[in-house]
């Protein structure tokens, strides 16, 4: 990760990054074979260091297309950030019937917003 400098002005209290992705580690969260790109890993610890530097307190972790509808990396990242700090945007498809959506929401350690 590149060195990040603190901003010239302090962000407001509870500043929120409303769209970013966590990638990897790829040995734990394998990439979807149908993906259109292969980004470098971008871990929770790397993002936390960035957030501390720039003053971000709340986050919205968005499911990246490289994982298709396997939301495990995104949901684990939200759990690592903490329920009071993070929410997720998940990706679902027609294979997620009402029961699967309820299970996804019930098993999720944070709030979850799903789109098909």
PDB file of N, CA and C in Angstrom:
ATOM      1  N   UNK A   1       0.853  -1.187   0.000  1.00  0.00           N
ATOM      2  CA  UNK A   1       0.000   0.000   0.000  1.00  0.00           C
ATOM      3  C   UNK A   1       0.889   1.238   0.000  1.00  0.00           C
ATOM      4  N   UNK A   2       0.455   2.243  -0.709  1.00  0.00           N
ATOM      5  CA  UNK A   2       1.193   3.495  -0.770  1.00  0.00           C
ATOM      6  C   UNK A   2       1.073   4.235   0.550  1.00  0.00           C
ATOM      7  N   UNK A   3       2.067   5.045   0.860  1.00  0.00           N
ATOM      8  CA  UNK A   3       2.028   5.869   2.059  1.00  0.00           C
ATOM      9  C   UNK A   3       0.943   6.939   1.894  1.00  0.00           C
ATOM     10  N   UNK A   4       0.092   7.067   2.886  1.00  0.00           N
ATOM     11  CA  UNK A   4      -0.994   8.043   2.849  1.00  0.00           C
ATOM     12  C   UNK A   4      -0.717   9.105   3.899  1.00  0.00           C
ATOM     13  N   UNK A   5      -0.904  10.350   3.531  1.00  0.00           N
ATOM     14  CA  UNK A   5      -0.702  11.461   4.466  1.00  0.00           C
ATOM     15  C   UNK A   5      -2.031  11.900   5.045  1.00  0.00           C
ATOM     16  N   UNK A   6      -2.025  12.403   6.282  1.00  0.00           N
ATOM     17  CA  UNK A   6      -3.277  12.930   6.853  1.00  0.00           C
ATOM     18  C   UNK A   6      -3.791  14.098   6.013  1.00  0.00           C
ATOM     19  N   UNK A   7      -5.096  14.293   5.964  1.00  0.00           N
ATOM     20  CA  UNK A   7      -5.643  15.418   5.194  1.00  0.00           C
ATOM     21  C   UNK A   7      -5.283  16.752   5.837  1.00  0.00           C
ATOM     22  N   UNK A   8      -5.296  17.803   5.047  1.00  0.00           N
ATOM     23  CA  UNK A   8      -4.995  19.144   5.554  1.00  0.00           C
ATOM     24  C   UNK A   8      -6.047  19.590   6.570  1.00  0.00           C
ATOM     25  N   UNK A   9      -7.274  19.195   6.356  1.00  0.00           N
ATOM     26  CA  UNK A   9      -8.360  19.536   7.283  1.00  0.00           C
ATOM     27  C   UNK A   9      -8.877  18.272   7.937  1.00  0.00           C
ATOM     28  N   UNK A  10      -9.267  18.372   9.183  1.00  0.00           N
ATOM     29  CA  UNK A  10      -9.815  17.227   9.903  1.00  0.00           C
ATOM     30  C   UNK A  10     -11.222  16.932   9.397  1.00  0.00           C
ATOM     31  N   UNK A  11     -11.496  15.682   9.041  1.00  0.00           N
ATOM     32  CA  UNK A  11     -12.863  15.358   8.608  1.00  0.00           C
ATOM     33  C   UNK A  11     -13.851  15.473   9.766  1.00  0.00           C
ATOM     34  N   UNK A  12     -15.128  15.598   9.454  1.00  0.00           N
ATOM     35  CA  UNK A  12     -16.129  15.694  10.530  1.00  0.00           C
ATOM     36  C   UNK A  12     -16.194  14.403  11.338  1.00  0.00           C
ATOM     37  N   UNK A  13     -16.646  14.523  12.567  1.00  0.00           N
ATOM     38  CA  UNK A  13     -16.834  13.352  13.409  1.00  0.00           C
ATOM     39  C   UNK A  13     -17.771  12.376  12.697  1.00  0.00           C
ATOM     40  N   UNK A  14     -17.486  11.096  12.822  1.00  0.00           N
ATOM     41  CA  UNK A  14     -18.243  10.013  12.193  1.00  0.00           C
ATOM     42  C   UNK A  14     -18.177  10.038  10.667  1.00  0.00           C
ATOM     43  N   UNK A  15     -17.091  10.593  10.107  1.00  0.00           N
ATOM     44  CA  UNK A  15     -16.909  10.585   8.652  1.00  0.00           C
ATOM     45  C   UNK A  15     -17.025   9.149   8.146  1.00  0.00           C
ATOM     46  N   UNK A  16     -17.658   8.992   6.988  1.00  0.00           N
ATOM     47  CA  UNK A  16     -17.958   7.662   6.453  1.00  0.00           C
ATOM     48  C   UNK A  16     -17.405   7.498   5.047  1.00  0.00           C
ATOM     49  N   UNK A  17     -16.711   6.394   4.835  1.00  0.00           N
ATOM     50  CA  UNK A  17     -16.326   5.975   3.489  1.00  0.00           C
ATOM     51  C   UNK A  17     -17.473   5.103   3.005  1.00  0.00           C
ATOM     52  N   UNK A  18     -18.202   5.573   2.020  1.00  0.00           N
ATOM     53  CA  UNK A  18     -19.443   4.902   1.641  1.00  0.00           C
ATOM     54  C   UNK A  18     -19.295   3.891   0.514  1.00  0.00           C
ATOM     55  N   UNK A  19     -18.053   3.604   0.072  1.00  0.00           N
ATOM     56  CA  UNK A  19     -17.901   2.590  -0.974  1.00  0.00           C
ATOM     57  C   UNK A  19     -16.426   2.220  -1.108  1.00  0.00           C
ATOM     58  N   UNK A  20     -16.089   1.032  -0.657  1.00  0.00           N
ATOM     59  CA  UNK A  20     -14.753   0.495  -0.893  1.00  0.00           C
ATOM     60  C   UNK A  20     -14.842  -1.019  -0.833  1.00  0.00           C
ATOM     61  N   UNK A  21     -13.776  -1.687  -1.274  1.00  0.00           N
ATOM     62  CA  UNK A  21     -13.746  -3.143  -1.338  1.00  0.00           C
ATOM     63  C   UNK A  21     -12.574  -3.683  -0.530  1.00  0.00           C
ATOM     64  N   UNK A  22     -12.740  -4.881  -0.011  1.00  0.00           N
ATOM     65  CA  UNK A  22     -11.643  -5.648   0.567  1.00  0.00           C
ATOM     66  C   UNK A  22     -11.375  -6.803  -0.398  1.00  0.00           C
ATOM     67  N   UNK A  23     -10.100  -7.012  -0.724  1.00  0.00           N
ATOM     68  CA  UNK A  23      -9.684  -8.092  -1.619  1.00  0.00           C
ATOM     69  C   UNK A  23      -8.726  -9.011  -0.866  1.00  0.00           C
ATOM     70  N   UNK A  24      -9.119 -10.262  -0.697  1.00  0.00           N
ATOM     71  CA  UNK A  24      -8.221 -11.248  -0.122  1.00  0.00           C
ATOM     72  C   UNK A  24      -8.261 -11.298   1.394  1.00  0.00           C
ATOM     73  N   UNK A  25      -7.374 -12.132   1.941  1.00  0.00           N
ATOM     74  CA  UNK A  25      -6.303 -12.844   1.248  1.00  0.00           C
ATOM     75  C   UNK A  25      -6.863 -13.923   0.319  1.00  0.00           C
ATOM     76  N   UNK A  26      -6.246 -14.055  -0.846  1.00  0.00           N
ATOM     77  CA  UNK A  26      -6.783 -14.927  -1.875  1.00  0.00           C
ATOM     78  C   UNK A  26      -6.688 -16.410  -1.531  1.00  0.00           C
ATOM     79  N   UNK A  27      -5.816 -16.781  -0.621  1.00  0.00           N
ATOM     80  CA  UNK A  27      -5.794 -18.189  -0.221  1.00  0.00           C
ATOM     81  C   UNK A  27      -7.013 -18.537   0.629  1.00  0.00           C
ATOM     82  N   UNK A  28      -7.610 -17.543   1.257  1.00  0.00           N
ATOM     83  CA  UNK A  28      -8.824 -17.758   2.060  1.00  0.00           C
ATOM     84  C   UNK A  28     -10.096 -17.438   1.276  1.00  0.00           C
ATOM     85  N   UNK A  29     -10.022 -16.428   0.413  1.00  0.00           N
ATOM     86  CA  UNK A  29     -11.179 -15.995  -0.379  1.00  0.00           C
ATOM     87  C   UNK A  29     -10.796 -16.059  -1.853  1.00  0.00           C
ATOM     88  N   UNK A  30     -10.970 -17.239  -2.477  1.00  0.00           N
ATOM     89  CA  UNK A  30     -10.565 -17.385  -3.880  1.00  0.00           C
ATOM     90  C   UNK A  30     -11.403 -16.524  -4.819  1.00  0.00           C
ATOM     91  N   UNK A  31     -10.760 -16.072  -5.872  1.00  0.00           N
ATOM     92  CA  UNK A  31     -11.416 -15.226  -6.872  1.00  0.00           C
ATOM     93  C   UNK A  31     -12.391 -16.050  -7.713  1.00  0.00           C
ATOM     94  N   UNK A  32     -13.445 -15.404  -8.163  1.00  0.00           N
ATOM     95  CA  UNK A  32     -14.413 -16.046  -9.045  1.00  0.00           C
ATOM     96  C   UNK A  32     -13.760 -16.321 -10.396  1.00  0.00           C
ATOM     97  N   UNK A  33     -13.951 -17.526 -10.939  1.00  0.00           N
ATOM     98  CA  UNK A  33     -13.355 -17.810 -12.242  1.00  0.00           C
ATOM     99  C   UNK A  33     -13.889 -16.911 -13.356  1.00  0.00           C
ATOM    100  N   UNK A  34     -15.089 -16.360 -13.213  1.00  0.00           N
ATOM    101  CA  UNK A  34     -15.682 -15.509 -14.239  1.00  0.00           C
ATOM    102  C   UNK A  34     -15.350 -14.033 -14.097  1.00  0.00           C
ATOM    103  N   UNK A  35     -14.419 -13.677 -13.218  1.00  0.00           N
ATOM    104  CA  UNK A  35     -14.117 -12.253 -12.977  1.00  0.00           C
ATOM    105  C   UNK A  35     -13.492 -11.606 -14.214  1.00  0.00           C
ATOM    106  N   UNK A  36     -13.598 -10.284 -14.306  1.00  0.00           N
ATOM    107  CA  UNK A  36     -13.041  -9.558 -15.450  1.00  0.00           C
ATOM    108  C   UNK A  36     -11.712  -8.885 -15.125  1.00  0.00           C
ATOM    109  N   UNK A  37     -11.274  -8.925 -13.858  1.00  0.00           N
ATOM    110  CA  UNK A  37      -9.994  -8.339 -13.468  1.00  0.00           C
ATOM    111  C   UNK A  37      -9.483  -9.044 -12.220  1.00  0.00           C
ATOM    112  N   UNK A  38      -8.204  -8.858 -11.920  1.00  0.00           N
ATOM    113  CA  UNK A  38      -7.573  -9.484 -10.749  1.00  0.00           C
ATOM    114  C   UNK A  38      -6.779  -8.420  -9.990  1.00  0.00           C
ATOM    115  N   UNK A  39      -7.413  -7.760  -9.047  1.00  0.00           N
ATOM    116  CA  UNK A  39      -6.727  -6.684  -8.322  1.00  0.00           C
ATOM    117  C   UNK A  39      -5.719  -7.231  -7.314  1.00  0.00           C
ATOM    118  N   UNK A  40      -4.792  -6.399  -6.876  1.00  0.00           N
ATOM    119  CA  UNK A  40      -3.904  -6.820  -5.792  1.00  0.00           C
ATOM    120  C   UNK A  40      -4.707  -6.926  -4.502  1.00  0.00           C
ATOM    121  N   UNK A  41      -4.209  -7.704  -3.566  1.00  0.00           N
ATOM    122  CA  UNK A  41      -4.903  -7.829  -2.285  1.00  0.00           C
ATOM    123  C   UNK A  41      -4.982  -6.471  -1.592  1.00  0.00           C
ATOM    124  N   UNK A  42      -6.078  -6.239  -0.914  1.00  0.00           N
ATOM    125  CA  UNK A  42      -6.318  -5.026  -0.122  1.00  0.00           C
ATOM    126  C   UNK A  42      -7.020  -5.498   1.148  1.00  0.00           C
ATOM    127  N   UNK A  43      -6.262  -5.615   2.219  1.00  0.00           N
ATOM    128  CA  UNK A  43      -6.739  -6.269   3.433  1.00  0.00           C
ATOM    129  C   UNK A  43      -7.422  -5.325   4.416  1.00  0.00           C
ATOM    130  N   UNK A  44      -8.103  -5.921   5.371  1.00  0.00           N
ATOM    131  CA  UNK A  44      -8.719  -5.150   6.462  1.00  0.00           C
ATOM    132  C   UNK A  44      -7.656  -4.357   7.217  1.00  0.00           C
ATOM    133  N   UNK A  45      -6.531  -4.957   7.645  1.00  0.00           N
ATOM    134  CA  UNK A  45      -5.517  -4.158   8.343  1.00  0.00           C
ATOM    135  C   UNK A  45      -4.993  -2.984   7.512  1.00  0.00           C
ATOM    136  N   UNK A  46      -4.821  -3.185   6.200  1.00  0.00           N
ATOM    137  CA  UNK A  46      -4.378  -2.075   5.342  1.00  0.00           C
ATOM    138  C   UNK A  46      -5.420  -0.962   5.332  1.00  0.00           C
ATOM    139  N   UNK A  47      -6.692  -1.338   5.214  1.00  0.00           N
ATOM    140  CA  UNK A  47      -7.736  -0.312   5.187  1.00  0.00           C
ATOM    141  C   UNK A  47      -7.833   0.411   6.531  1.00  0.00           C
ATOM    142  N   UNK A  48      -7.712  -0.324   7.630  1.00  0.00           N
ATOM    143  CA  UNK A  48      -7.769   0.314   8.951  1.00  0.00           C
ATOM    144  C   UNK A  48      -6.654   1.340   9.114  1.00  0.00           C
ATOM    145  N   UNK A  49      -5.471   1.033   8.622  1.00  0.00           N
ATOM    146  CA  UNK A  49      -4.363   1.993   8.685  1.00  0.00           C
ATOM    147  C   UNK A  49      -4.700   3.254   7.889  1.00  0.00           C
ATOM    148  N   UNK A  50      -5.255   3.066   6.703  1.00  0.00           N
ATOM    149  CA  UNK A  50      -5.676   4.199   5.879  1.00  0.00           C
ATOM    150  C   UNK A  50      -6.743   5.021   6.593  1.00  0.00           C
ATOM    151  N   UNK A  51      -7.755   4.345   7.131  1.00  0.00           N
ATOM    152  CA  UNK A  51      -8.863   5.039   7.800  1.00  0.00           C
ATOM    153  C   UNK A  51      -8.361   5.861   8.992  1.00  0.00           C
ATOM    154  N   UNK A  52      -7.451   5.283   9.773  1.00  0.00           N
ATOM    155  CA  UNK A  52      -6.884   6.027  10.912  1.00  0.00           C
ATOM    156  C   UNK A  52      -6.161   7.280  10.435  1.00  0.00           C
ATOM    157  N   UNK A  53      -5.423   7.149   9.355  1.00  0.00           N
ATOM    158  CA  UNK A  53      -4.634   8.274   8.848  1.00  0.00           C
ATOM    159  C   UNK A  53      -5.516   9.406   8.354  1.00  0.00           C
ATOM    160  N   UNK A  54      -6.582   9.074   7.651  1.00  0.00           N
ATOM    161  CA  UNK A  54      -7.417  10.129   7.058  1.00  0.00           C
ATOM    162  C   UNK A  54      -8.639  10.493   7.903  1.00  0.00           C
ATOM    163  N   UNK A  55      -8.884   9.763   8.986  1.00  0.00           N
ATOM    164  CA  UNK A  55      -9.958  10.137   9.904  1.00  0.00           C
ATOM    165  C   UNK A  55     -11.321   9.571   9.574  1.00  0.00           C
ATOM    166  N   UNK A  56     -11.370   8.397   8.962  1.00  0.00           N
ATOM    167  CA  UNK A  56     -12.650   7.760   8.649  1.00  0.00           C
ATOM    168  C   UNK A  56     -13.068   6.893   9.833  1.00  0.00           C
ATOM    169  N   UNK A  57     -14.301   7.071  10.304  1.00  0.00           N
ATOM    170  CA  UNK A  57     -14.789   6.316  11.459  1.00  0.00           C
ATOM    171  C   UNK A  57     -15.815   5.256  11.101  1.00  0.00           C
ATOM    172  N   UNK A  58     -16.567   5.458  10.027  1.00  0.00           N
ATOM    173  CA  UNK A  58     -17.606   4.501   9.635  1.00  0.00           C
ATOM    174  C   UNK A  58     -17.369   4.072   8.200  1.00  0.00           C
ATOM    175  N   UNK A  59     -17.825   2.850   7.871  1.00  0.00           N
ATOM    176  CA  UNK A  59     -17.522   2.317   6.544  1.00  0.00           C
ATOM    177  C   UNK A  59     -18.687   1.518   5.970  1.00  0.00           C
ATOM    178  N   UNK A  60     -18.758   1.505   4.650  1.00  0.00           N
ATOM    179  CA  UNK A  60     -19.680   0.662   3.903  1.00  0.00           C
ATOM    180  C   UNK A  60     -18.814  -0.209   2.992  1.00  0.00           C
ATOM    181  N   UNK A  61     -18.717  -1.485   3.326  1.00  0.00           N
ATOM    182  CA  UNK A  61     -17.917  -2.421   2.542  1.00  0.00           C
ATOM    183  C   UNK A  61     -18.805  -2.962   1.429  1.00  0.00           C
ATOM    184  N   UNK A  62     -18.391  -2.755   0.193  1.00  0.00           N
ATOM    185  CA  UNK A  62     -19.184  -3.149  -0.969  1.00  0.00           C
ATOM    186  C   UNK A  62     -18.593  -4.419  -1.585  1.00  0.00           C
ATOM    187  N   UNK A  63     -19.452  -5.388  -1.840  1.00  0.00           N
ATOM    188  CA  UNK A  63     -19.039  -6.654  -2.441  1.00  0.00           C
ATOM    189  C   UNK A  63     -18.430  -6.398  -3.818  1.00  0.00           C
ATOM    190  N   UNK A  64     -17.166  -6.799  -4.047  1.00  0.00           N
ATOM    191  CA  UNK A  64     -16.577  -6.607  -5.366  1.00  0.00           C
ATOM    192  C   UNK A  64     -16.986  -7.718  -6.338  1.00  0.00           C
ATOM    193  N   UNK A  65     -17.002  -7.394  -7.614  1.00  0.00           N
ATOM    194  CA  UNK A  65     -17.427  -8.366  -8.623  1.00  0.00           C
ATOM    195  C   UNK A  65     -16.483  -9.560  -8.724  1.00  0.00           C
ATOM    196  N   UNK A  66     -15.255  -9.433  -8.265  1.00  0.00           N
ATOM    197  CA  UNK A  66     -14.293 -10.543  -8.387  1.00  0.00           C
ATOM    198  C   UNK A  66     -14.694 -11.763  -7.574  1.00  0.00           C
ATOM    199  N   UNK A  67     -15.658 -11.593  -6.644  1.00  0.00           N
ATOM    200  CA  UNK A  67     -16.143 -12.716  -5.839  1.00  0.00           C
ATOM    201  C   UNK A  67     -17.526 -13.194  -6.265  1.00  0.00           C
ATOM    202  N   UNK A  68     -18.102 -12.587  -7.290  1.00  0.00           N
ATOM    203  CA  UNK A  68     -19.444 -12.994  -7.710  1.00  0.00           C
ATOM    204  C   UNK A  68     -20.426 -12.836  -6.557  1.00  0.00           C
ATOM    205  N   UNK A  69     -21.205 -13.877  -6.279  1.00  0.00           N
ATOM    206  CA  UNK A  69     -22.194 -13.819  -5.191  1.00  0.00           C
ATOM    207  C   UNK A  69     -21.691 -14.479  -3.907  1.00  0.00           C
ATOM    208  N   UNK A  70     -20.398 -14.803  -3.849  1.00  0.00           N
ATOM    209  CA  UNK A  70     -19.808 -15.318  -2.610  1.00  0.00           C
ATOM    210  C   UNK A  70     -19.418 -14.117  -1.762  1.00  0.00           C
ATOM    211  N   UNK A  71     -20.252 -13.779  -0.808  1.00  0.00           N
ATOM    212  CA  UNK A  71     -20.090 -12.584   0.010  1.00  0.00           C
ATOM    213  C   UNK A  71     -19.208 -12.790   1.243  1.00  0.00           C
ATOM    214  N   UNK A  72     -18.546 -13.924   1.363  1.00  0.00           N
ATOM    215  CA  UNK A  72     -17.790 -14.253   2.584  1.00  0.00           C
ATOM    216  C   UNK A  72     -16.732 -13.217   2.928  1.00  0.00           C
ATOM    217  N   UNK A  73     -15.942 -12.777   1.971  1.00  0.00           N
ATOM    218  CA  UNK A  73     -14.883 -11.803   2.259  1.00  0.00           C
ATOM    219  C   UNK A  73     -15.479 -10.492   2.776  1.00  0.00           C
ATOM    220  N   UNK A  74     -16.519 -10.014   2.113  1.00  0.00           N
ATOM    221  CA  UNK A  74     -17.160  -8.763   2.520  1.00  0.00           C
ATOM    222  C   UNK A  74     -17.771  -8.886   3.913  1.00  0.00           C
ATOM    223  N   UNK A  75     -18.482  -9.971   4.173  1.00  0.00           N
ATOM    224  CA  UNK A  75     -19.121 -10.138   5.480  1.00  0.00           C
ATOM    225  C   UNK A  75     -18.094 -10.330   6.590  1.00  0.00           C
ATOM    226  N   UNK A  76     -17.008 -11.048   6.313  1.00  0.00           N
ATOM    227  CA  UNK A  76     -15.946 -11.196   7.309  1.00  0.00           C
ATOM    228  C   UNK A  76     -15.263  -9.861   7.579  1.00  0.00           C
ATOM    229  N   UNK A  77     -15.110  -9.040   6.550  1.00  0.00           N
ATOM    230  CA  UNK A  77     -14.527  -7.707   6.742  1.00  0.00           C
ATOM    231  C   UNK A  77     -15.419  -6.856   7.640  1.00  0.00           C
ATOM    232  N   UNK A  78     -16.720  -6.891   7.400  1.00  0.00           N
ATOM    233  CA  UNK A  78     -17.650  -6.132   8.235  1.00  0.00           C
ATOM    234  C   UNK A  78     -17.551  -6.599   9.692  1.00  0.00           C
ATOM    235  N   UNK A  79     -17.459  -7.899   9.901  1.00  0.00           N
ATOM    236  CA  UNK A  79     -17.304  -8.423  11.265  1.00  0.00           C
ATOM    237  C   UNK A  79     -16.013  -7.918  11.890  1.00  0.00           C
ATOM    238  N   UNK A  80     -14.944  -7.861  11.114  1.00  0.00           N
ATOM    239  CA  UNK A  80     -13.664  -7.383  11.635  1.00  0.00           C
ATOM    240  C   UNK A  80     -13.715  -5.894  11.982  1.00  0.00           C
ATOM    241  N   UNK A  81     -14.413  -5.109  11.174  1.00  0.00           N
ATOM    242  CA  UNK A  81     -14.542  -3.678  11.460  1.00  0.00           C
ATOM    243  C   UNK A  81     -15.434  -3.428  12.665  1.00  0.00           C
ATOM    244  N   UNK A  82     -16.420  -4.277  12.869  1.00  0.00           N
ATOM    245  CA  UNK A  82     -17.329  -4.121  13.992  1.00  0.00           C
ATOM    246  C   UNK A  82     -18.681  -3.585  13.579  1.00  0.00           C
ATOM    247  N   UNK A  83     -19.700  -4.123  14.226  1.00  0.00           N
ATOM    248  CA  UNK A  83     -21.091  -3.783  13.911  1.00  0.00           C
ATOM    249  C   UNK A  83     -21.403  -2.299  14.091  1.00  0.00           C
ATOM    250  N   UNK A  84     -20.770  -1.666  15.059  1.00  0.00           N
ATOM    251  CA  UNK A  84     -21.043  -0.247  15.322  1.00  0.00           C
ATOM    252  C   UNK A  84     -20.406   0.666  14.277  1.00  0.00           C
ATOM    253  N   UNK A  85     -19.522   0.097  13.460  1.00  0.00           N
ATOM    254  CA  UNK A  85     -18.759   0.910  12.521  1.00  0.00           C
ATOM    255  C   UNK A  85     -19.063   0.609  11.055  1.00  0.00           C
ATOM    256  N   UNK A  86     -19.521  -0.603  10.770  1.00  0.00           N
ATOM    257  CA  UNK A  86     -19.558  -1.046   9.374  1.00  0.00           C
ATOM    258  C   UNK A  86     -20.893  -1.653   8.973  1.00  0.00           C
ATOM    259  N   UNK A  87     -21.225  -1.479   7.699  1.00  0.00           N
ATOM    260  CA  UNK A  87     -22.335  -2.177   7.050  1.00  0.00           C
ATOM    261  C   UNK A  87     -21.803  -2.723   5.733  1.00  0.00           C
ATOM    262  N   UNK A  88     -22.576  -3.634   5.137  1.00  0.00           N
ATOM    263  CA  UNK A  88     -22.164  -4.260   3.887  1.00  0.00           C
ATOM    264  C   UNK A  88     -23.210  -4.067   2.816  1.00  0.00           C
ATOM    265  N   UNK A  89     -22.734  -4.047   1.584  1.00  0.00           N
ATOM    266  CA  UNK A  89     -23.590  -4.174   0.414  1.00  0.00           C
ATOM    267  C   UNK A  89     -23.207  -5.507  -0.218  1.00  0.00           C
ATOM    268  N   UNK A  90     -24.148  -6.425  -0.266  1.00  0.00           N
ATOM    269  CA  UNK A  90     -23.894  -7.764  -0.796  1.00  0.00           C
ATOM    270  C   UNK A  90     -24.428  -7.877  -2.213  1.00  0.00           C
ATOM    271  N   UNK A  91     -23.983  -8.915  -2.898  1.00  0.00           N
ATOM    272  CA  UNK A  91     -24.479  -9.220  -4.234  1.00  0.00           C
ATOM    273  C   UNK A  91     -25.194 -10.565  -4.168  1.00  0.00           C
ATOM    274  N   UNK A  92     -26.420 -10.575  -4.639  1.00  0.00           N
ATOM    275  CA  UNK A  92     -27.188 -11.816  -4.710  1.00  0.00           C
ATOM    276  C   UNK A  92     -27.702 -11.982  -6.133  1.00  0.00           C
ATOM    277  N   UNK A  93     -28.137 -13.182  -6.439  1.00  0.00           N
ATOM    278  CA  UNK A  93     -28.714 -13.433  -7.760  1.00  0.00           C
ATOM    279  C   UNK A  93     -30.005 -14.211  -7.598  1.00  0.00           C
ATOM    280  N   UNK A  94     -30.547 -14.699  -8.681  1.00  0.00           N
ATOM    281  CA  UNK A  94     -31.819 -15.422  -8.636  1.00  0.00           C
ATOM    282  C   UNK A  94     -31.749 -16.695  -7.797  1.00  0.00           C
ATOM    283  N   UNK A  95     -30.548 -17.175  -7.524  1.00  0.00           N
ATOM    284  CA  UNK A  95     -30.381 -18.355  -6.688  1.00  0.00           C
ATOM    285  C   UNK A  95     -30.647 -18.097  -5.215  1.00  0.00           C
ATOM    286  N   UNK A  96     -30.772 -16.853  -4.836  1.00  0.00           N
ATOM    287  CA  UNK A  96     -31.054 -16.487  -3.452  1.00  0.00           C
ATOM    288  C   UNK A  96     -32.563 -16.307  -3.293  1.00  0.00           C
ATOM    289  N   UNK A  97     -33.235 -17.385  -2.926  1.00  0.00           N
ATOM    290  CA  UNK A  97     -34.672 -17.276  -2.692  1.00  0.00           C
ATOM    291  C   UNK A  97     -34.898 -16.599  -1.337  1.00  0.00           C
ATOM    292  N   UNK A  98     -36.150 -16.447  -0.951  1.00  0.00           N
ATOM    293  CA  UNK A  98     -36.473 -15.742   0.295  1.00  0.00           C
ATOM    294  C   UNK A  98     -35.806 -16.390   1.508  1.00  0.00           C
ATOM    295  N   UNK A  99     -35.791 -17.714   1.553  1.00  0.00           N
ATOM    296  CA  UNK A  99     -35.167 -18.409   2.689  1.00  0.00           C
ATOM    297  C   UNK A  99     -33.656 -18.152   2.721  1.00  0.00           C
ATOM    298  N   UNK A 100     -33.012 -18.160   1.557  1.00  0.00           N
ATOM    299  CA  UNK A 100     -31.566 -17.900   1.499  1.00  0.00           C
ATOM    300  C   UNK A 100     -31.254 -16.464   1.915  1.00  0.00           C
ATOM    301  N   UNK A 101     -32.097 -15.515   1.509  1.00  0.00           N
ATOM    302  CA  UNK A 101     -31.895 -14.116   1.925  1.00  0.00           C
ATOM    303  C   UNK A 101     -32.065 -13.964   3.435  1.00  0.00           C
ATOM    304  N   UNK A 102     -33.082 -14.623   3.995  1.00  0.00           N
ATOM    305  CA  UNK A 102     -33.275 -14.555   5.453  1.00  0.00           C
ATOM    306  C   UNK A 102     -32.076 -15.134   6.187  1.00  0.00           C
ATOM    307  N   UNK A 103     -31.563 -16.272   5.698  1.00  0.00           N
ATOM    308  CA  UNK A 103     -30.394 -16.885   6.324  1.00  0.00           C
ATOM    309  C   UNK A 103     -29.179 -15.964   6.220  1.00  0.00           C
ATOM    310  N   UNK A 104     -28.974 -15.373   5.053  1.00  0.00           N
ATOM    311  CA  UNK A 104     -27.859 -14.451   4.860  1.00  0.00           C
ATOM    312  C   UNK A 104     -27.939 -13.300   5.854  1.00  0.00           C
ATOM    313  N   UNK A 105     -29.121 -12.753   6.020  1.00  0.00           N
ATOM    314  CA  UNK A 105     -29.303 -11.647   6.965  1.00  0.00           C
ATOM    315  C   UNK A 105     -29.164 -12.111   8.415  1.00  0.00           C
ATOM    316  N   UNK A 106     -29.679 -13.283   8.740  1.00  0.00           N
ATOM    317  CA  UNK A 106     -29.607 -13.787  10.115  1.00  0.00           C
ATOM    318  C   UNK A 106     -28.181 -14.136  10.505  1.00  0.00           C
ATOM    319  N   UNK A 107     -27.399 -14.669   9.577  1.00  0.00           N
ATOM    320  CA  UNK A 107     -26.023 -15.084   9.868  1.00  0.00           C
ATOM    321  C   UNK A 107     -25.034 -13.929   9.824  1.00  0.00           C
ATOM    322  N   UNK A 108     -25.445 -12.809   9.285  1.00  0.00           N
ATOM    323  CA  UNK A 108     -24.550 -11.677   9.101  1.00  0.00           C
ATOM    324  C   UNK A 108     -24.358 -10.940  10.417  1.00  0.00           C
ATOM    325  N   UNK A 109     -23.111 -10.709  10.833  1.00  0.00           N
ATOM    326  CA  UNK A 109     -22.854 -10.030  12.098  1.00  0.00           C
ATOM    327  C   UNK A 109     -23.116  -8.532  12.059  1.00  0.00           C
ATOM    328  N   UNK A 110     -23.447  -7.989  10.908  1.00  0.00           N
ATOM    329  CA  UNK A 110     -23.748  -6.562  10.788  1.00  0.00           C
ATOM    330  C   UNK A 110     -25.008  -6.401   9.964  1.00  0.00           C
ATOM    331  N   UNK A 111     -25.387  -5.161   9.735  1.00  0.00           N
ATOM    332  CA  UNK A 111     -26.529  -4.916   8.861  1.00  0.00           C
ATOM    333  C   UNK A 111     -26.121  -5.211   7.429  1.00  0.00           C
ATOM    334  N   UNK A 112     -27.045  -5.641   6.620  1.00  0.00           N
ATOM    335  CA  UNK A 112     -26.728  -6.057   5.257  1.00  0.00           C
ATOM    336  C   UNK A 112     -27.781  -5.561   4.300  1.00  0.00           C
ATOM    337  N   UNK A 113     -27.345  -5.037   3.181  1.00  0.00           N
ATOM    338  CA  UNK A 113     -28.252  -4.583   2.130  1.00  0.00           C
ATOM    339  C   UNK A 113     -27.929  -5.391   0.891  1.00  0.00           C
ATOM    340  N   UNK A 114     -28.891  -6.122   0.371  1.00  0.00           N
ATOM    341  CA  UNK A 114     -28.643  -6.964  -0.786  1.00  0.00           C
ATOM    342  C   UNK A 114     -29.334  -6.435  -2.029  1.00  0.00           C
ATOM    343  N   UNK A 115     -28.681  -6.598  -3.148  1.00  0.00           N
ATOM    344  CA  UNK A 115     -29.237  -6.203  -4.434  1.00  0.00           C
ATOM    345  C   UNK A 115     -29.067  -7.346  -5.399  1.00  0.00           C
ATOM    346  N   UNK A 116     -30.008  -7.513  -6.286  1.00  0.00           N
ATOM    347  CA  UNK A 116     -29.858  -8.552  -7.303  1.00  0.00           C
ATOM    348  C   UNK A 116     -29.621  -7.911  -8.644  1.00  0.00           C
TER     349      UNK A 116
END
